[in-house]
Protein backbone atom coordinates (compact mmCIF):
# COMPACT_ATOMS: atom_id res chain seq x y z
CA MET A 1 3.68 3.47 90.01
CA THR A 2 3.38 -0.06 92.02
CA LEU A 3 2.89 -3.42 91.17
CA THR A 4 0.78 -6.23 92.84
CA VAL A 5 1.58 -9.96 92.02
CA GLU A 6 -0.94 -12.74 92.76
CA GLY A 7 -0.27 -16.32 92.17
CA ALA A 8 -2.46 -19.45 92.20
CA SER A 9 -2.35 -23.12 91.01
CA THR A 10 -5.61 -24.18 90.79
CA ALA A 11 -9.03 -22.74 89.63
CA ALA A 12 -10.16 -22.93 93.65
CA GLU A 13 -7.50 -20.87 94.51
CA TRP A 14 -8.15 -17.87 91.78
CA ASN A 15 -12.42 -18.17 92.60
CA GLY A 16 -11.13 -17.99 96.29
CA ALA A 17 -8.19 -16.00 97.38
CA PRO A 18 -5.21 -16.07 95.32
CA ASN A 19 -1.45 -16.22 97.11
CA LEU A 20 -0.47 -12.67 97.51
CA VAL A 21 3.20 -12.55 96.81
CA VAL A 22 3.77 -8.99 97.02
CA ALA A 23 1.70 -5.77 97.44
CA ASN A 24 2.10 -2.42 95.98
CA ALA A 25 5.82 -2.77 95.29
CA PRO A 26 7.13 0.25 93.57
CA LEU A 27 8.95 0.24 90.58
CA VAL A 28 12.68 0.71 90.31
CA THR A 29 14.45 2.40 87.19
CA LYS A 30 17.45 -0.06 86.17
CA PRO A 31 21.10 1.65 85.07
CA LEU A 32 19.53 1.73 81.28
CA GLY A 33 16.15 3.42 82.30
CA GLU A 34 13.80 0.54 82.20
CA LEU A 35 11.04 0.13 85.04
CA ALA A 36 11.58 -3.16 87.22
CA VAL A 37 10.50 -5.09 90.11
CA PHE A 38 12.84 -7.73 91.61
CA LEU A 39 10.74 -10.69 93.15
CA ALA A 40 13.65 -12.44 94.40
CA GLY A 41 13.22 -13.93 97.90
CA TYR A 42 9.56 -13.67 97.50
CA PRO A 43 7.78 -16.82 98.14
CA ALA A 44 6.46 -17.20 94.28
CA ARG A 45 5.66 -21.12 94.06
CA ASP A 46 2.52 -21.00 92.30
CA ARG A 47 1.86 -21.96 88.29
CA TYR A 48 -0.02 -18.80 87.13
CA TYR A 49 0.63 -15.15 88.43
CA ARG A 50 -1.62 -12.12 87.89
CA TYR A 51 -0.01 -8.49 87.74
CA THR A 52 -1.52 -5.71 88.61
CA PHE A 53 -0.10 -2.00 88.23
CA SER A 54 -1.41 0.94 89.85
CA SER A 55 -0.93 4.72 89.54
CA ALA A 56 -1.97 7.78 91.29
CA GLY A 57 0.05 9.95 88.63
CA THR A 58 -0.73 11.24 85.49
CA ILE A 59 0.46 7.91 83.11
CA GLN A 60 -1.66 6.79 80.40
CA THR A 61 -2.52 3.06 80.41
CA THR A 62 -2.82 2.31 77.25
CA ASP A 63 0.91 4.01 76.53
CA PHE A 64 2.31 1.80 79.51
CA LEU A 65 0.49 -1.32 78.45
CA ARG A 66 1.80 -0.94 74.87
CA LEU A 67 5.56 -0.42 75.97
CA ALA A 68 5.17 -3.09 78.68
CA SER A 69 7.46 -6.23 78.83
CA ILE A 70 7.20 -9.25 81.30
CA GLU A 71 10.19 -11.14 82.08
CA GLY A 72 10.48 -14.18 84.01
CA GLY A 73 13.19 -16.69 85.01
CA ILE A 74 12.65 -19.95 86.51
CA LEU A 75 14.74 -21.49 89.43
CA HIS A 76 13.91 -25.22 90.18
CA ARG A 77 14.87 -26.34 93.68
CA VAL A 78 15.57 -29.74 94.65
């Protein structure tokens, strides 16, 4: 399973070409079995984000989305 993250701060960016933060990043398994993608170091400076999960396997999308949780932290730079 992979994750693509796109971001935008204005409606024009969403309608035109959103900023690509990361494309097809593989999910890694954390020590307690949770799946994660760590975005530290990527150019994520937008206000709104779109997450696209892709899988070539047999995982059921409804099962995955029922169990999914998105966590984010904000880091302000001065």
